[in-house]
Amino acid sequence: MRRSPFALFASLLLATTLAGEPPTTLDTTGIISHIKREAVQSSALASVGYSKRLHALEIEFKKGPIYRYLDVEGSVYHDLINAPSKARFYDENIRGKYQRLRVRRKAE
């Protein structure tokens, strides 16, 4: 399977992270996203989207921030969408396990 340049860059960043260090936010200024997110029923998550091309999961939190998680398999997205508790699934399976980028909101 051929990976996009973005996915290769993200994999390289992951490979250079020191063992034992938790994943961090890579960019504090944020990127502008073109990944479509859909509203979800959750106590903490407002919307979720996934890009097959980028292998990127985006989560908008009810308290405001939006993050893109890098090098995420599609099965993680599907499991999140189908989880009875999306907040619990996020805490147990996504939080702290993937590199992330902060996403800026689009200008309205």
PDB file of N, CA and C in Angstrom:
ATOM      1  N   MET A   1       0.849  -1.171   0.000  1.00  0.00           N
ATOM      2  CA  MET A   1       0.000   0.000   0.000  1.00  0.00           C
ATOM      3  C   MET A   1       0.897   1.237   0.000  1.00  0.00           C
ATOM      4  N   ARG A   2       0.634   2.156  -0.900  1.00  0.00           N
ATOM      5  CA  ARG A   2       1.389   3.396  -0.974  1.00  0.00           C
ATOM      6  C   ARG A   2       0.813   4.413   0.006  1.00  0.00           C
ATOM      7  N   ARG A   3       1.679   5.029   0.799  1.00  0.00           N
ATOM      8  CA  ARG A   3       1.252   5.982   1.825  1.00  0.00           C
ATOM      9  C   ARG A   3       1.482   7.393   1.314  1.00  0.00           C
ATOM     10  N   SER A   4       0.638   8.294   1.743  1.00  0.00           N
ATOM     11  CA  SER A   4       0.770   9.698   1.364  1.00  0.00           C
ATOM     12  C   SER A   4       2.029  10.293   1.994  1.00  0.00           C
ATOM     13  N   PRO A   5       2.574  11.380   1.408  1.00  0.00           N
ATOM     14  CA  PRO A   5       3.739  12.041   2.016  1.00  0.00           C
ATOM     15  C   PRO A   5       3.458  12.463   3.455  1.00  0.00           C
ATOM     16  N   PHE A   6       2.239  12.908   3.735  1.00  0.00           N
ATOM     17  CA  PHE A   6       1.886  13.314   5.107  1.00  0.00           C
ATOM     18  C   PHE A   6       1.981  12.136   6.055  1.00  0.00           C
ATOM     19  N   ALA A   7       1.446  10.977   5.639  1.00  0.00           N
ATOM     20  CA  ALA A   7       1.487   9.784   6.486  1.00  0.00           C
ATOM     21  C   ALA A   7       2.927   9.329   6.704  1.00  0.00           C
ATOM     22  N   LEU A   8       3.762   9.414   5.673  1.00  0.00           N
ATOM     23  CA  LEU A   8       5.164   9.053   5.831  1.00  0.00           C
ATOM     24  C   LEU A   8       5.865   9.990   6.803  1.00  0.00           C
ATOM     25  N   PHE A   9       5.583  11.295   6.694  1.00  0.00           N
ATOM     26  CA  PHE A   9       6.150  12.277   7.613  1.00  0.00           C
ATOM     27  C   PHE A   9       5.721  11.976   9.041  1.00  0.00           C
ATOM     28  N   ALA A  10       4.444  11.678   9.221  1.00  0.00           N
ATOM     29  CA  ALA A  10       3.938  11.368  10.563  1.00  0.00           C
ATOM     30  C   ALA A  10       4.614  10.115  11.110  1.00  0.00           C
ATOM     31  N   SER A  11       4.798   9.093  10.273  1.00  0.00           N
ATOM     32  CA  SER A  11       5.463   7.870  10.719  1.00  0.00           C
ATOM     33  C   SER A  11       6.904   8.143  11.115  1.00  0.00           C
ATOM     34  N   LEU A  12       7.577   9.002  10.351  1.00  0.00           N
ATOM     35  CA  LEU A  12       8.955   9.362  10.672  1.00  0.00           C
ATOM     36  C   LEU A  12       9.023  10.063  12.024  1.00  0.00           C
ATOM     37  N   LEU A  13       8.079  10.974  12.275  1.00  0.00           N
ATOM     38  CA  LEU A  13       8.040  11.657  13.571  1.00  0.00           C
ATOM     39  C   LEU A  13       7.823  10.668  14.705  1.00  0.00           C
ATOM     40  N   LEU A  14       6.939   9.701  14.475  1.00  0.00           N
ATOM     41  CA  LEU A  14       6.685   8.701  15.504  1.00  0.00           C
ATOM     42  C   LEU A  14       7.926   7.862  15.768  1.00  0.00           C
ATOM     43  N   ALA A  15       8.649   7.519  14.711  1.00  0.00           N
ATOM     44  CA  ALA A  15       9.841   6.691  14.850  1.00  0.00           C
ATOM     45  C   ALA A  15      10.949   7.405  15.601  1.00  0.00           C
ATOM     46  N   THR A  16      10.992   8.724  15.530  1.00  0.00           N
ATOM     47  CA  THR A  16      12.054   9.467  16.188  1.00  0.00           C
ATOM     48  C   THR A  16      11.720   9.853  17.619  1.00  0.00           C
ATOM     49  N   THR A  17      10.495   9.573  18.062  1.00  0.00           N
ATOM     50  CA  THR A  17      10.118   9.872  19.446  1.00  0.00           C
ATOM     51  C   THR A  17      10.866   8.927  20.379  1.00  0.00           C
ATOM     52  N   LEU A  18      11.400   9.450  21.449  1.00  0.00           N
ATOM     53  CA  LEU A  18      12.115   8.612  22.411  1.00  0.00           C
ATOM     54  C   LEU A  18      11.171   7.618  23.050  1.00  0.00           C
ATOM     55  N   ALA A  19      11.663   6.409  23.257  1.00  0.00           N
ATOM     56  CA  ALA A  19      10.854   5.366  23.883  1.00  0.00           C
ATOM     57  C   ALA A  19      10.404   5.823  25.269  1.00  0.00           C
ATOM     58  N   GLY A  20       9.154   5.577  25.570  1.00  0.00           N
ATOM     59  CA  GLY A  20       8.626   5.909  26.876  1.00  0.00           C
ATOM     60  C   GLY A  20       8.048   7.304  26.984  1.00  0.00           C
ATOM     61  N   GLU A  21       8.320   8.171  26.023  1.00  0.00           N
ATOM     62  CA  GLU A  21       7.743   9.515  26.053  1.00  0.00           C
ATOM     63  C   GLU A  21       6.319   9.455  25.536  1.00  0.00           C
ATOM     64  N   PRO A  22       5.391  10.124  26.190  1.00  0.00           N
ATOM     65  CA  PRO A  22       4.016  10.135  25.679  1.00  0.00           C
ATOM     66  C   PRO A  22       3.927  10.955  24.406  1.00  0.00           C
ATOM     67  N   PRO A  23       3.027  10.587  23.485  1.00  0.00           N
ATOM     68  CA  PRO A  23       2.833  11.397  22.284  1.00  0.00           C
ATOM     69  C   PRO A  23       2.469  12.829  22.664  1.00  0.00           C
ATOM     70  N   THR A  24       2.869  13.761  21.823  1.00  0.00           N
ATOM     71  CA  THR A  24       2.639  15.169  22.123  1.00  0.00           C
ATOM     72  C   THR A  24       1.932  15.852  20.961  1.00  0.00           C
ATOM     73  N   THR A  25       1.517  17.070  21.212  1.00  0.00           N
ATOM     74  CA  THR A  25       0.960  17.896  20.157  1.00  0.00           C
ATOM     75  C   THR A  25       2.128  18.454  19.359  1.00  0.00           C
ATOM     76  N   LEU A  26       2.091  18.294  18.044  1.00  0.00           N
ATOM     77  CA  LEU A  26       3.207  18.695  17.200  1.00  0.00           C
ATOM     78  C   LEU A  26       3.195  20.169  16.846  1.00  0.00           C
ATOM     79  N   ASP A  27       2.033  20.781  16.761  1.00  0.00           N
ATOM     80  CA  ASP A  27       1.938  22.146  16.266  1.00  0.00           C
ATOM     81  C   ASP A  27       0.954  22.921  17.131  1.00  0.00           C
ATOM     82  N   THR A  28       1.421  23.985  17.753  1.00  0.00           N
ATOM     83  CA  THR A  28       0.540  24.741  18.638  1.00  0.00           C
ATOM     84  C   THR A  28      -0.304  25.765  17.893  1.00  0.00           C
ATOM     85  N   THR A  29       0.097  26.136  16.661  1.00  0.00           N
ATOM     86  CA  THR A  29      -0.689  27.120  15.917  1.00  0.00           C
ATOM     87  C   THR A  29      -1.883  26.476  15.239  1.00  0.00           C
ATOM     88  N   GLY A  30      -1.772  25.218  14.894  1.00  0.00           N
ATOM     89  CA  GLY A  30      -2.886  24.492  14.309  1.00  0.00           C
ATOM     90  C   GLY A  30      -2.899  24.502  12.796  1.00  0.00           C
ATOM     91  N   ILE A  31      -3.506  23.474  12.258  1.00  0.00           N
ATOM     92  CA  ILE A  31      -3.706  23.343  10.822  1.00  0.00           C
ATOM     93  C   ILE A  31      -5.177  23.593  10.537  1.00  0.00           C
ATOM     94  N   ILE A  32      -5.481  23.898   9.298  1.00  0.00           N
ATOM     95  CA  ILE A  32      -6.881  24.011   8.900  1.00  0.00           C
ATOM     96  C   ILE A  32      -7.264  22.689   8.259  1.00  0.00           C
ATOM     97  N   SER A  33      -8.336  22.109   8.722  1.00  0.00           N
ATOM     98  CA  SER A  33      -8.737  20.780   8.290  1.00  0.00           C
ATOM     99  C   SER A  33      -9.758  20.818   7.158  1.00  0.00           C
ATOM    100  N   HIS A  34      -9.684  19.793   6.330  1.00  0.00           N
ATOM    101  CA  HIS A  34     -10.697  19.571   5.301  1.00  0.00           C
ATOM    102  C   HIS A  34     -11.356  18.207   5.485  1.00  0.00           C
ATOM    103  N   ILE A  35     -11.121  17.605   6.655  1.00  0.00           N
ATOM    104  CA  ILE A  35     -11.742  16.325   6.978  1.00  0.00           C
ATOM    105  C   ILE A  35     -13.145  16.600   7.522  1.00  0.00           C
ATOM    106  N   LYS A  36     -14.126  15.944   6.926  1.00  0.00           N
ATOM    107  CA  LYS A  36     -15.507  16.122   7.368  1.00  0.00           C
ATOM    108  C   LYS A  36     -15.720  15.366   8.683  1.00  0.00           C
ATOM    109  N   ARG A  37     -16.240  16.086   9.659  1.00  0.00           N
ATOM    110  CA  ARG A  37     -16.563  15.476  10.951  1.00  0.00           C
ATOM    111  C   ARG A  37     -18.079  15.422  11.113  1.00  0.00           C
ATOM    112  N   GLU A  38     -18.544  14.382  11.796  1.00  0.00           N
ATOM    113  CA  GLU A  38     -19.971  14.236  12.066  1.00  0.00           C
ATOM    114  C   GLU A  38     -20.219  14.285  13.563  1.00  0.00           C
ATOM    115  N   ALA A  39     -21.321  14.916  13.951  1.00  0.00           N
ATOM    116  CA  ALA A  39     -21.685  15.019  15.366  1.00  0.00           C
ATOM    117  C   ALA A  39     -21.901  13.628  15.947  1.00  0.00           C
ATOM    118  N   VAL A  40     -21.503  13.464  17.218  1.00  0.00           N
ATOM    119  CA  VAL A  40     -21.698  12.194  17.920  1.00  0.00           C
ATOM    120  C   VAL A  40     -22.358  12.462  19.266  1.00  0.00           C
ATOM    121  N   GLN A  41     -23.044  11.450  19.776  1.00  0.00           N
ATOM    122  CA  GLN A  41     -23.641  11.519  21.108  1.00  0.00           C
ATOM    123  C   GLN A  41     -22.569  11.116  22.109  1.00  0.00           C
ATOM    124  N   SER A  42     -22.114  12.074  22.908  1.00  0.00           N
ATOM    125  CA  SER A  42     -21.053  11.804  23.860  1.00  0.00           C
ATOM    126  C   SER A  42     -21.043  12.880  24.931  1.00  0.00           C
ATOM    127  N   SER A  43     -20.534  12.523  26.094  1.00  0.00           N
ATOM    128  CA  SER A  43     -20.418  13.501  27.177  1.00  0.00           C
ATOM    129  C   SER A  43     -19.241  14.450  26.959  1.00  0.00           C
ATOM    130  N   ALA A  44     -18.241  14.040  26.168  1.00  0.00           N
ATOM    131  CA  ALA A  44     -17.033  14.844  26.001  1.00  0.00           C
ATOM    132  C   ALA A  44     -16.700  15.186  24.550  1.00  0.00           C
ATOM    133  N   LEU A  45     -17.118  14.342  23.608  1.00  0.00           N
ATOM    134  CA  LEU A  45     -16.792  14.541  22.201  1.00  0.00           C
ATOM    135  C   LEU A  45     -17.972  15.176  21.473  1.00  0.00           C
ATOM    136  N   ALA A  46     -17.680  16.161  20.621  1.00  0.00           N
ATOM    137  CA  ALA A  46     -18.738  16.824  19.860  1.00  0.00           C
ATOM    138  C   ALA A  46     -18.869  16.236  18.457  1.00  0.00           C
ATOM    139  N   SER A  47     -17.730  15.994  17.783  1.00  0.00           N
ATOM    140  CA  SER A  47     -17.771  15.443  16.435  1.00  0.00           C
ATOM    141  C   SER A  47     -16.496  14.654  16.149  1.00  0.00           C
ATOM    142  N   VAL A  48     -16.614  13.741  15.164  1.00  0.00           N
ATOM    143  CA  VAL A  48     -15.514  12.849  14.815  1.00  0.00           C
ATOM    144  C   VAL A  48     -15.477  12.699  13.301  1.00  0.00           C
ATOM    145  N   GLY A  49     -14.257  12.650  12.736  1.00  0.00           N
ATOM    146  CA  GLY A  49     -14.090  12.419  11.309  1.00  0.00           C
ATOM    147  C   GLY A  49     -12.840  11.620  11.052  1.00  0.00           C
ATOM    148  N   TYR A  50     -12.753  11.032   9.855  1.00  0.00           N
ATOM    149  CA  TYR A  50     -11.599  10.193   9.517  1.00  0.00           C
ATOM    150  C   TYR A  50     -11.245  10.356   8.049  1.00  0.00           C
ATOM    151  N   SER A  51      -9.953  10.393   7.756  1.00  0.00           N
ATOM    152  CA  SER A  51      -9.453  10.408   6.381  1.00  0.00           C
ATOM    153  C   SER A  51      -8.722   9.101   6.116  1.00  0.00           C
ATOM    154  N   LYS A  52      -9.249   8.291   5.190  1.00  0.00           N
ATOM    155  CA  LYS A  52      -8.580   7.050   4.798  1.00  0.00           C
ATOM    156  C   LYS A  52      -7.243   7.347   4.128  1.00  0.00           C
ATOM    157  N   ARG A  53      -7.223   8.398   3.336  1.00  0.00           N
ATOM    158  CA  ARG A  53      -6.011   8.762   2.598  1.00  0.00           C
ATOM    159  C   ARG A  53      -4.875   9.150   3.535  1.00  0.00           C
ATOM    160  N   LEU A  54      -5.198   9.913   4.576  1.00  0.00           N
ATOM    161  CA  LEU A  54      -4.181  10.396   5.516  1.00  0.00           C
ATOM    162  C   LEU A  54      -3.988   9.484   6.724  1.00  0.00           C
ATOM    163  N   HIS A  55      -4.897   8.519   6.906  1.00  0.00           N
ATOM    164  CA  HIS A  55      -4.904   7.699   8.124  1.00  0.00           C
ATOM    165  C   HIS A  55      -4.955   8.618   9.344  1.00  0.00           C
ATOM    166  N   ALA A  56      -5.863   9.588   9.278  1.00  0.00           N
ATOM    167  CA  ALA A  56      -5.965  10.612  10.320  1.00  0.00           C
ATOM    168  C   ALA A  56      -7.368  10.643  10.899  1.00  0.00           C
ATOM    169  N   LEU A  57      -7.430  10.674  12.214  1.00  0.00           N
ATOM    170  CA  LEU A  57      -8.683  10.758  12.959  1.00  0.00           C
ATOM    171  C   LEU A  57      -8.773  12.149  13.555  1.00  0.00           C
ATOM    172  N   GLU A  58      -9.895  12.826  13.344  1.00  0.00           N
ATOM    173  CA  GLU A  58     -10.098  14.131  13.960  1.00  0.00           C
ATOM    174  C   GLU A  58     -11.217  14.054  14.973  1.00  0.00           C
ATOM    175  N   ILE A  59     -10.967  14.681  16.118  1.00  0.00           N
ATOM    176  CA  ILE A  59     -11.960  14.714  17.189  1.00  0.00           C
ATOM    177  C   ILE A  59     -12.115  16.155  17.653  1.00  0.00           C
ATOM    178  N   GLU A  60     -13.361  16.622  17.655  1.00  0.00           N
ATOM    179  CA  GLU A  60     -13.700  17.919  18.230  1.00  0.00           C
ATOM    180  C   GLU A  60     -14.292  17.639  19.605  1.00  0.00           C
ATOM    181  N   PHE A  61     -13.752  18.303  20.604  1.00  0.00           N
ATOM    182  CA  PHE A  61     -14.219  18.114  21.967  1.00  0.00           C
ATOM    183  C   PHE A  61     -15.263  19.168  22.312  1.00  0.00           C
ATOM    184  N   LYS A  62     -16.175  18.810  23.180  1.00  0.00           N
ATOM    185  CA  LYS A  62     -17.235  19.743  23.568  1.00  0.00           C
ATOM    186  C   LYS A  62     -16.685  20.989  24.234  1.00  0.00           C
ATOM    187  N   LYS A  63     -15.540  20.884  24.883  1.00  0.00           N
ATOM    188  CA  LYS A  63     -14.939  22.048  25.531  1.00  0.00           C
ATOM    189  C   LYS A  63     -14.153  22.911  24.549  1.00  0.00           C
ATOM    190  N   GLY A  64     -14.166  22.553  23.252  1.00  0.00           N
ATOM    191  CA  GLY A  64     -13.618  23.446  22.256  1.00  0.00           C
ATOM    192  C   GLY A  64     -12.512  22.980  21.349  1.00  0.00           C
ATOM    193  N   PRO A  65     -11.429  22.373  21.860  1.00  0.00           N
ATOM    194  CA  PRO A  65     -10.331  22.068  20.947  1.00  0.00           C
ATOM    195  C   PRO A  65     -10.679  20.965  19.952  1.00  0.00           C
ATOM    196  N   ILE A  66      -9.985  21.014  18.820  1.00  0.00           N
ATOM    197  CA  ILE A  66     -10.093  19.984  17.793  1.00  0.00           C
ATOM    198  C   ILE A  66      -8.678  19.459  17.575  1.00  0.00           C
ATOM    199  N   TYR A  67      -8.523  18.135  17.557  1.00  0.00           N
ATOM    200  CA  TYR A  67      -7.218  17.528  17.331  1.00  0.00           C
ATOM    201  C   TYR A  67      -7.295  16.510  16.212  1.00  0.00           C
ATOM    202  N   ARG A  68      -6.195  16.428  15.435  1.00  0.00           N
ATOM    203  CA  ARG A  68      -6.031  15.387  14.428  1.00  0.00           C
ATOM    204  C   ARG A  68      -5.003  14.403  14.970  1.00  0.00           C
ATOM    205  N   TYR A  69      -5.400  13.146  15.061  1.00  0.00           N
ATOM    206  CA  TYR A  69      -4.524  12.073  15.528  1.00  0.00           C
ATOM    207  C   TYR A  69      -3.952  11.367  14.311  1.00  0.00           C
ATOM    208  N   LEU A  70      -2.639  11.156  14.309  1.00  0.00           N
ATOM    209  CA  LEU A  70      -1.919  10.677  13.137  1.00  0.00           C
ATOM    210  C   LEU A  70      -1.686   9.168  13.158  1.00  0.00           C
ATOM    211  N   ASP A  71      -1.661   8.596  11.961  1.00  0.00           N
ATOM    212  CA  ASP A  71      -1.350   7.178  11.736  1.00  0.00           C
ATOM    213  C   ASP A  71      -2.326   6.263  12.480  1.00  0.00           C
ATOM    214  N   VAL A  72      -3.618   6.576  12.365  1.00  0.00           N
ATOM    215  CA  VAL A  72      -4.681   5.815  13.029  1.00  0.00           C
ATOM    216  C   VAL A  72      -5.349   4.906  12.000  1.00  0.00           C
ATOM    217  N   GLU A  73      -5.474   3.646  12.331  1.00  0.00           N
ATOM    218  CA  GLU A  73      -6.145   2.700  11.438  1.00  0.00           C
ATOM    219  C   GLU A  73      -7.643   2.977  11.395  1.00  0.00           C
ATOM    220  N   GLY A  74      -8.256   2.679  10.265  1.00  0.00           N
ATOM    221  CA  GLY A  74      -9.691   2.886  10.089  1.00  0.00           C
ATOM    222  C   GLY A  74     -10.531   2.123  11.102  1.00  0.00           C
ATOM    223  N   SER A  75     -10.028   0.973  11.552  1.00  0.00           N
ATOM    224  CA  SER A  75     -10.780   0.177  12.523  1.00  0.00           C
ATOM    225  C   SER A  75     -10.946   0.921  13.854  1.00  0.00           C
ATOM    226  N   VAL A  76      -9.976   1.763  14.220  1.00  0.00           N
ATOM    227  CA  VAL A  76     -10.083   2.540  15.456  1.00  0.00           C
ATOM    228  C   VAL A  76     -11.229   3.545  15.317  1.00  0.00           C
ATOM    229  N   TYR A  77     -11.306   4.199  14.144  1.00  0.00           N
ATOM    230  CA  TYR A  77     -12.404   5.141  13.882  1.00  0.00           C
ATOM    231  C   TYR A  77     -13.757   4.428  13.971  1.00  0.00           C
ATOM    232  N   HIS A  78     -13.877   3.282  13.306  1.00  0.00           N
ATOM    233  CA  HIS A  78     -15.153   2.552  13.309  1.00  0.00           C
ATOM    234  C   HIS A  78     -15.520   2.077  14.718  1.00  0.00           C
ATOM    235  N   ASP A  79     -14.529   1.621  15.467  1.00  0.00           N
ATOM    236  CA  ASP A  79     -14.793   1.187  16.840  1.00  0.00           C
ATOM    237  C   ASP A  79     -15.233   2.365  17.703  1.00  0.00           C
ATOM    238  N   LEU A  80     -14.625   3.541  17.488  1.00  0.00           N
ATOM    239  CA  LEU A  80     -15.023   4.743  18.229  1.00  0.00           C
ATOM    240  C   LEU A  80     -16.469   5.115  17.925  1.00  0.00           C
ATOM    241  N   ILE A  81     -16.815   5.148  16.643  1.00  0.00           N
ATOM    242  CA  ILE A  81     -18.173   5.513  16.226  1.00  0.00           C
ATOM    243  C   ILE A  81     -19.208   4.554  16.812  1.00  0.00           C
ATOM    244  N   ASN A  82     -18.855   3.281  16.901  1.00  0.00           N
ATOM    245  CA  ASN A  82     -19.803   2.263  17.377  1.00  0.00           C
ATOM    246  C   ASN A  82     -19.751   2.020  18.880  1.00  0.00           C
ATOM    247  N   ALA A  83     -18.846   2.674  19.581  1.00  0.00           N
ATOM    248  CA  ALA A  83     -18.707   2.456  21.024  1.00  0.00           C
ATOM    249  C   ALA A  83     -19.913   3.014  21.773  1.00  0.00           C
ATOM    250  N   PRO A  84     -20.420   2.276  22.771  1.00  0.00           N
ATOM    251  CA  PRO A  84     -21.531   2.791  23.575  1.00  0.00           C
ATOM    252  C   PRO A  84     -21.136   4.063  24.330  1.00  0.00           C
ATOM    253  N   SER A  85     -19.883   4.126  24.783  1.00  0.00           N
ATOM    254  CA  SER A  85     -19.366   5.328  25.436  1.00  0.00           C
ATOM    255  C   SER A  85     -18.147   5.805  24.650  1.00  0.00           C
ATOM    256  N   LYS A  86     -18.360   6.828  23.834  1.00  0.00           N
ATOM    257  CA  LYS A  86     -17.275   7.351  23.007  1.00  0.00           C
ATOM    258  C   LYS A  86     -16.176   7.988  23.852  1.00  0.00           C
ATOM    259  N   ALA A  87     -16.550   8.666  24.924  1.00  0.00           N
ATOM    260  CA  ALA A  87     -15.556   9.276  25.814  1.00  0.00           C
ATOM    261  C   ALA A  87     -14.682   8.206  26.457  1.00  0.00           C
ATOM    262  N   ARG A  88     -15.279   7.121  26.908  1.00  0.00           N
ATOM    263  CA  ARG A  88     -14.510   6.026  27.506  1.00  0.00           C
ATOM    264  C   ARG A  88     -13.600   5.376  26.469  1.00  0.00           C
ATOM    265  N   PHE A  89     -14.120   5.139  25.255  1.00  0.00           N
ATOM    266  CA  PHE A  89     -13.308   4.546  24.195  1.00  0.00           C
ATOM    267  C   PHE A  89     -12.108   5.453  23.890  1.00  0.00           C
ATOM    268  N   TYR A  90     -12.355   6.758  23.803  1.00  0.00           N
ATOM    269  CA  TYR A  90     -11.271   7.708  23.562  1.00  0.00           C
ATOM    270  C   TYR A  90     -10.205   7.597  24.660  1.00  0.00           C
ATOM    271  N   ASP A  91     -10.632   7.617  25.913  1.00  0.00           N
ATOM    272  CA  ASP A  91      -9.688   7.549  27.033  1.00  0.00           C
ATOM    273  C   ASP A  91      -8.865   6.269  27.018  1.00  0.00           C
ATOM    274  N   GLU A  92      -9.482   5.156  26.676  1.00  0.00           N
ATOM    275  CA  GLU A  92      -8.806   3.859  26.740  1.00  0.00           C
ATOM    276  C   GLU A  92      -8.006   3.507  25.492  1.00  0.00           C
ATOM    277  N   ASN A  93      -8.373   4.064  24.328  1.00  0.00           N
ATOM    278  CA  ASN A  93      -7.774   3.588  23.082  1.00  0.00           C
ATOM    279  C   ASN A  93      -7.091   4.647  22.225  1.00  0.00           C
ATOM    280  N   ILE A  94      -7.318   5.923  22.503  1.00  0.00           N
ATOM    281  CA  ILE A  94      -6.767   6.979  21.648  1.00  0.00           C
ATOM    282  C   ILE A  94      -5.900   7.948  22.446  1.00  0.00           C
ATOM    283  N   ARG A  95      -6.416   8.430  23.532  1.00  0.00           N
ATOM    284  CA  ARG A  95      -5.717   9.429  24.348  1.00  0.00           C
ATOM    285  C   ARG A  95      -4.313   8.950  24.737  1.00  0.00           C
ATOM    286  N   GLY A  96      -3.308   9.757  24.378  1.00  0.00           N
ATOM    287  CA  GLY A  96      -1.935   9.445  24.731  1.00  0.00           C
ATOM    288  C   GLY A  96      -1.271   8.364  23.905  1.00  0.00           C
ATOM    289  N   LYS A  97      -1.969   7.827  22.899  1.00  0.00           N
ATOM    290  CA  LYS A  97      -1.415   6.731  22.108  1.00  0.00           C
ATOM    291  C   LYS A  97      -0.977   7.155  20.699  1.00  0.00           C
ATOM    292  N   TYR A  98      -1.373   8.333  20.267  1.00  0.00           N
ATOM    293  CA  TYR A  98      -1.066   8.809  18.915  1.00  0.00           C
ATOM    294  C   TYR A  98      -0.516  10.229  18.971  1.00  0.00           C
ATOM    295  N   GLN A  99       0.366  10.541  18.009  1.00  0.00           N
ATOM    296  CA  GLN A  99       0.793  11.931  17.832  1.00  0.00           C
ATOM    297  C   GLN A  99      -0.441  12.709  17.407  1.00  0.00           C
ATOM    298  N   ARG A 100      -0.479  13.996  17.745  1.00  0.00           N
ATOM    299  CA  ARG A 100      -1.644  14.786  17.362  1.00  0.00           C
ATOM    300  C   ARG A 100      -1.224  16.186  16.935  1.00  0.00           C
ATOM    301  N   LEU A 101      -2.080  16.772  16.108  1.00  0.00           N
ATOM    302  CA  LEU A 101      -1.938  18.148  15.650  1.00  0.00           C
ATOM    303  C   LEU A 101      -3.174  18.908  16.091  1.00  0.00           C
ATOM    304  N   ARG A 102      -2.986  20.127  16.503  1.00  0.00           N
ATOM    305  CA  ARG A 102      -4.150  20.967  16.833  1.00  0.00           C
ATOM    306  C   ARG A 102      -4.738  21.478  15.517  1.00  0.00           C
ATOM    307  N   VAL A 103      -6.047  21.470  15.420  1.00  0.00           N
ATOM    308  CA  VAL A 103      -6.750  21.902  14.209  1.00  0.00           C
ATOM    309  C   VAL A 103      -7.411  23.237  14.498  1.00  0.00           C
ATOM    310  N   ARG A 104      -7.166  24.206  13.620  1.00  0.00           N
ATOM    311  CA  ARG A 104      -7.832  25.514  13.749  1.00  0.00           C
ATOM    312  C   ARG A 104      -9.211  25.415  13.121  1.00  0.00           C
ATOM    313  N   ARG A 105     -10.127  26.174  13.678  1.00  0.00           N
ATOM    314  CA  ARG A 105     -11.473  26.237  13.094  1.00  0.00           C
ATOM    315  C   ARG A 105     -11.427  27.015  11.799  1.00  0.00           C
ATOM    316  N   LYS A 106     -12.243  26.587  10.838  1.00  0.00           N
ATOM    317  CA  LYS A 106     -12.349  27.316   9.568  1.00  0.00           C
ATOM    318  C   LYS A 106     -12.996  28.668   9.804  1.00  0.00           C
ATOM    319  N   ALA A 107     -12.575  29.650   9.037  1.00  0.00           N
ATOM    320  CA  ALA A 107     -13.209  30.964   9.118  1.00  0.00           C
ATOM    321  C   ALA A 107     -14.634  30.826   8.608  1.00  0.00           C
ATOM    322  N   GLU A 108     -15.582  31.341   9.350  1.00  0.00           N
ATOM    323  CA  GLU A 108     -17.005  31.217   8.977  1.00  0.00           C
ATOM    324  C   GLU A 108     -17.360  32.205   7.896  1.00  0.00           C
TER     325      GLU A 108
END
